[in-house]
């Protein structure tokens, strides 16, 4: 199953730092790109049904550390 989430940041630099950090997370089918603007980052990945997947929690924690939050 595929999951899609977008994060918003106060600055372009924070969004860019998040984007580059997320590229190195081990997640199946991971795709990371700027979202609606240069202050948004869109993340897509696949997770297995019936398995615990901590990817979203990891993304939320990283975004929070960089001053961002989930918007979708």
N, C-alpha and C. Protein backbone atom coordinates (compact mmCIF):
# COMPACT_ATOMS: atom_id res chain seq x y z
N UNK A 1 0.84 -1.17 0.00
CA UNK A 1 0.00 0.00 0.00
C UNK A 1 0.89 1.24 0.00
N UNK A 2 0.47 2.27 -0.73
CA UNK A 2 1.28 3.48 -0.83
C UNK A 2 0.75 4.56 0.11
N UNK A 3 1.67 5.28 0.72
CA UNK A 3 1.33 6.38 1.60
C UNK A 3 1.95 7.66 1.03
N UNK A 4 1.19 8.74 1.08
CA UNK A 4 1.66 10.03 0.58
C UNK A 4 1.42 11.08 1.66
N UNK A 5 2.42 11.88 1.93
CA UNK A 5 2.30 12.91 2.97
C UNK A 5 3.11 14.13 2.54
N UNK A 6 2.66 15.30 2.97
CA UNK A 6 3.37 16.54 2.64
C UNK A 6 3.65 17.30 3.93
N UNK A 7 4.82 17.89 3.98
CA UNK A 7 5.27 18.66 5.13
C UNK A 7 5.53 20.10 4.72
N UNK A 8 5.24 21.01 5.63
CA UNK A 8 5.46 22.44 5.37
C UNK A 8 6.49 22.96 6.37
N UNK A 9 7.38 23.83 5.87
CA UNK A 9 8.45 24.39 6.68
C UNK A 9 8.43 25.91 6.61
N UNK A 10 9.02 26.53 7.62
CA UNK A 10 9.04 27.99 7.69
C UNK A 10 9.97 28.59 6.63
N UNK A 11 11.05 27.88 6.30
CA UNK A 11 12.01 28.40 5.34
C UNK A 11 12.30 27.37 4.25
N UNK A 12 12.75 27.86 3.12
CA UNK A 12 13.15 26.97 2.03
C UNK A 12 14.35 26.13 2.45
N UNK A 13 15.25 26.71 3.23
CA UNK A 13 16.44 26.00 3.66
C UNK A 13 16.06 24.79 4.53
N UNK A 14 15.11 24.95 5.42
CA UNK A 14 14.66 23.83 6.26
C UNK A 14 14.00 22.75 5.41
N UNK A 15 13.20 23.16 4.45
CA UNK A 15 12.55 22.20 3.56
C UNK A 15 13.59 21.43 2.76
N UNK A 16 14.60 22.12 2.27
CA UNK A 16 15.65 21.50 1.48
C UNK A 16 16.46 20.52 2.34
N UNK A 17 16.75 20.90 3.57
CA UNK A 17 17.49 20.03 4.48
C UNK A 17 16.67 18.76 4.76
N UNK A 18 15.37 18.93 4.99
CA UNK A 18 14.49 17.79 5.21
C UNK A 18 14.48 16.87 3.99
N UNK A 19 14.31 17.45 2.82
CA UNK A 19 14.28 16.69 1.57
C UNK A 19 15.54 15.86 1.42
N UNK A 20 16.68 16.45 1.63
CA UNK A 20 17.95 15.73 1.45
C UNK A 20 18.17 14.67 2.52
N UNK A 21 17.69 14.90 3.72
CA UNK A 21 17.82 13.91 4.79
C UNK A 21 16.90 12.72 4.54
N UNK A 22 15.68 13.00 4.12
CA UNK A 22 14.70 11.93 3.89
C UNK A 22 15.13 11.01 2.76
N UNK A 23 15.85 11.52 1.79
CA UNK A 23 16.31 10.69 0.67
C UNK A 23 17.12 9.48 1.13
N UNK A 24 17.68 9.54 2.34
CA UNK A 24 18.53 8.47 2.86
C UNK A 24 17.81 7.55 3.83
N UNK A 25 16.52 7.76 4.03
CA UNK A 25 15.74 6.87 4.89
C UNK A 25 15.45 5.58 4.13
N UNK A 26 15.54 4.48 4.84
CA UNK A 26 15.30 3.18 4.22
C UNK A 26 13.80 2.89 4.22
N UNK A 27 13.16 3.16 3.08
CA UNK A 27 11.73 2.89 2.92
C UNK A 27 11.50 2.40 1.49
N UNK A 28 10.65 1.43 1.35
CA UNK A 28 10.38 0.85 0.04
C UNK A 28 9.65 1.84 -0.86
N UNK A 29 10.12 2.00 -2.09
CA UNK A 29 9.46 2.86 -3.06
C UNK A 29 9.50 4.33 -2.70
N UNK A 30 10.48 4.76 -1.93
CA UNK A 30 10.57 6.14 -1.45
C UNK A 30 10.76 7.13 -2.60
N UNK A 31 9.91 8.16 -2.62
CA UNK A 31 10.04 9.27 -3.57
C UNK A 31 9.85 10.56 -2.79
N UNK A 32 10.81 11.46 -2.94
CA UNK A 32 10.80 12.73 -2.20
C UNK A 32 11.00 13.86 -3.19
N UNK A 33 10.17 14.91 -3.09
CA UNK A 33 10.32 16.07 -3.96
C UNK A 33 9.67 17.28 -3.29
N UNK A 34 9.98 18.46 -3.83
CA UNK A 34 9.30 19.65 -3.33
C UNK A 34 7.81 19.52 -3.65
N UNK A 35 6.98 20.06 -2.77
CA UNK A 35 5.54 19.97 -2.94
C UNK A 35 4.97 21.21 -3.60
N UNK A 36 3.93 21.77 -2.97
CA UNK A 36 3.20 22.92 -3.53
C UNK A 36 4.09 24.14 -3.74
N UNK A 37 5.10 24.30 -2.90
CA UNK A 37 6.02 25.44 -3.03
C UNK A 37 7.40 24.98 -2.56
N UNK A 38 8.35 25.90 -2.53
CA UNK A 38 9.69 25.54 -2.05
C UNK A 38 9.74 25.44 -0.52
N UNK A 39 8.61 25.63 0.14
CA UNK A 39 8.50 25.46 1.59
C UNK A 39 7.79 24.15 1.94
N UNK A 40 7.42 23.38 0.94
CA UNK A 40 6.71 22.11 1.12
C UNK A 40 7.54 20.97 0.54
N UNK A 41 7.48 19.82 1.22
CA UNK A 41 8.14 18.61 0.73
C UNK A 41 7.11 17.48 0.71
N UNK A 42 7.01 16.83 -0.44
CA UNK A 42 6.09 15.72 -0.62
C UNK A 42 6.88 14.41 -0.53
N UNK A 43 6.35 13.46 0.25
CA UNK A 43 7.01 12.17 0.44
C UNK A 43 6.00 11.07 0.12
N UNK A 44 6.44 10.11 -0.68
CA UNK A 44 5.63 8.92 -0.99
C UNK A 44 6.48 7.70 -0.72
N UNK A 45 5.86 6.68 -0.17
CA UNK A 45 6.54 5.41 0.07
C UNK A 45 5.50 4.31 0.19
N UNK A 46 5.96 3.06 0.09
CA UNK A 46 5.07 1.90 0.24
C UNK A 46 5.35 1.22 1.57
N UNK A 47 4.29 0.72 2.17
CA UNK A 47 4.46 -0.07 3.38
C UNK A 47 3.64 -1.34 3.26
N UNK A 48 4.13 -2.37 3.93
CA UNK A 48 3.47 -3.66 3.85
C UNK A 48 2.24 -3.71 4.74
N UNK A 49 1.21 -4.32 4.24
CA UNK A 49 -0.02 -4.49 5.02
C UNK A 49 0.23 -5.55 6.09
N UNK A 50 -0.23 -5.25 7.29
CA UNK A 50 -0.07 -6.19 8.38
C UNK A 50 1.26 -6.09 9.10
N UNK A 51 2.07 -5.14 8.72
CA UNK A 51 3.38 -4.94 9.35
C UNK A 51 3.40 -3.59 10.05
N UNK A 52 4.16 -3.49 11.12
CA UNK A 52 4.33 -2.19 11.76
C UNK A 52 5.36 -1.40 10.96
N UNK A 53 5.03 -0.18 10.61
CA UNK A 53 5.92 0.67 9.82
C UNK A 53 6.11 1.99 10.56
N UNK A 54 7.33 2.26 10.95
CA UNK A 54 7.63 3.48 11.72
C UNK A 54 8.06 4.64 10.83
N UNK A 55 7.94 4.50 9.52
CA UNK A 55 8.42 5.53 8.60
C UNK A 55 7.73 6.87 8.84
N UNK A 56 6.42 6.88 8.98
CA UNK A 56 5.70 8.14 9.17
C UNK A 56 6.11 8.80 10.48
N UNK A 57 6.28 8.04 11.52
CA UNK A 57 6.73 8.58 12.80
C UNK A 57 8.12 9.19 12.67
N UNK A 58 9.00 8.52 11.94
CA UNK A 58 10.35 9.04 11.70
C UNK A 58 10.29 10.36 10.93
N UNK A 59 9.45 10.41 9.90
CA UNK A 59 9.29 11.63 9.11
C UNK A 59 8.74 12.77 9.96
N UNK A 60 7.73 12.49 10.78
CA UNK A 60 7.15 13.52 11.65
C UNK A 60 8.19 14.07 12.63
N UNK A 61 8.98 13.18 13.22
CA UNK A 61 10.01 13.60 14.18
C UNK A 61 11.06 14.47 13.50
N UNK A 62 11.51 14.06 12.34
CA UNK A 62 12.52 14.83 11.61
C UNK A 62 11.97 16.20 11.21
N UNK A 63 10.74 16.24 10.71
CA UNK A 63 10.13 17.51 10.32
C UNK A 63 10.03 18.44 11.53
N UNK A 64 9.62 17.91 12.66
CA UNK A 64 9.49 18.72 13.88
C UNK A 64 10.84 19.30 14.30
N UNK A 65 11.89 18.49 14.19
CA UNK A 65 13.25 18.96 14.54
C UNK A 65 13.67 20.13 13.66
N UNK A 66 13.18 20.16 12.42
CA UNK A 66 13.55 21.20 11.47
C UNK A 66 12.52 22.31 11.37
N UNK A 67 11.56 22.33 12.29
CA UNK A 67 10.57 23.39 12.32
C UNK A 67 9.43 23.20 11.35
N UNK A 68 9.17 21.97 10.95
CA UNK A 68 8.11 21.70 10.00
C UNK A 68 6.96 20.92 10.62
N UNK A 69 5.91 20.77 9.83
CA UNK A 69 4.76 20.00 10.28
C UNK A 69 4.06 19.37 9.10
N UNK A 70 3.34 18.29 9.38
CA UNK A 70 2.58 17.60 8.34
C UNK A 70 1.36 18.42 7.97
N UNK A 71 1.11 18.57 6.67
CA UNK A 71 -0.05 19.36 6.21
C UNK A 71 -1.04 18.53 5.43
N UNK A 72 -0.71 17.31 5.07
CA UNK A 72 -1.70 16.47 4.38
C UNK A 72 -1.44 15.02 4.66
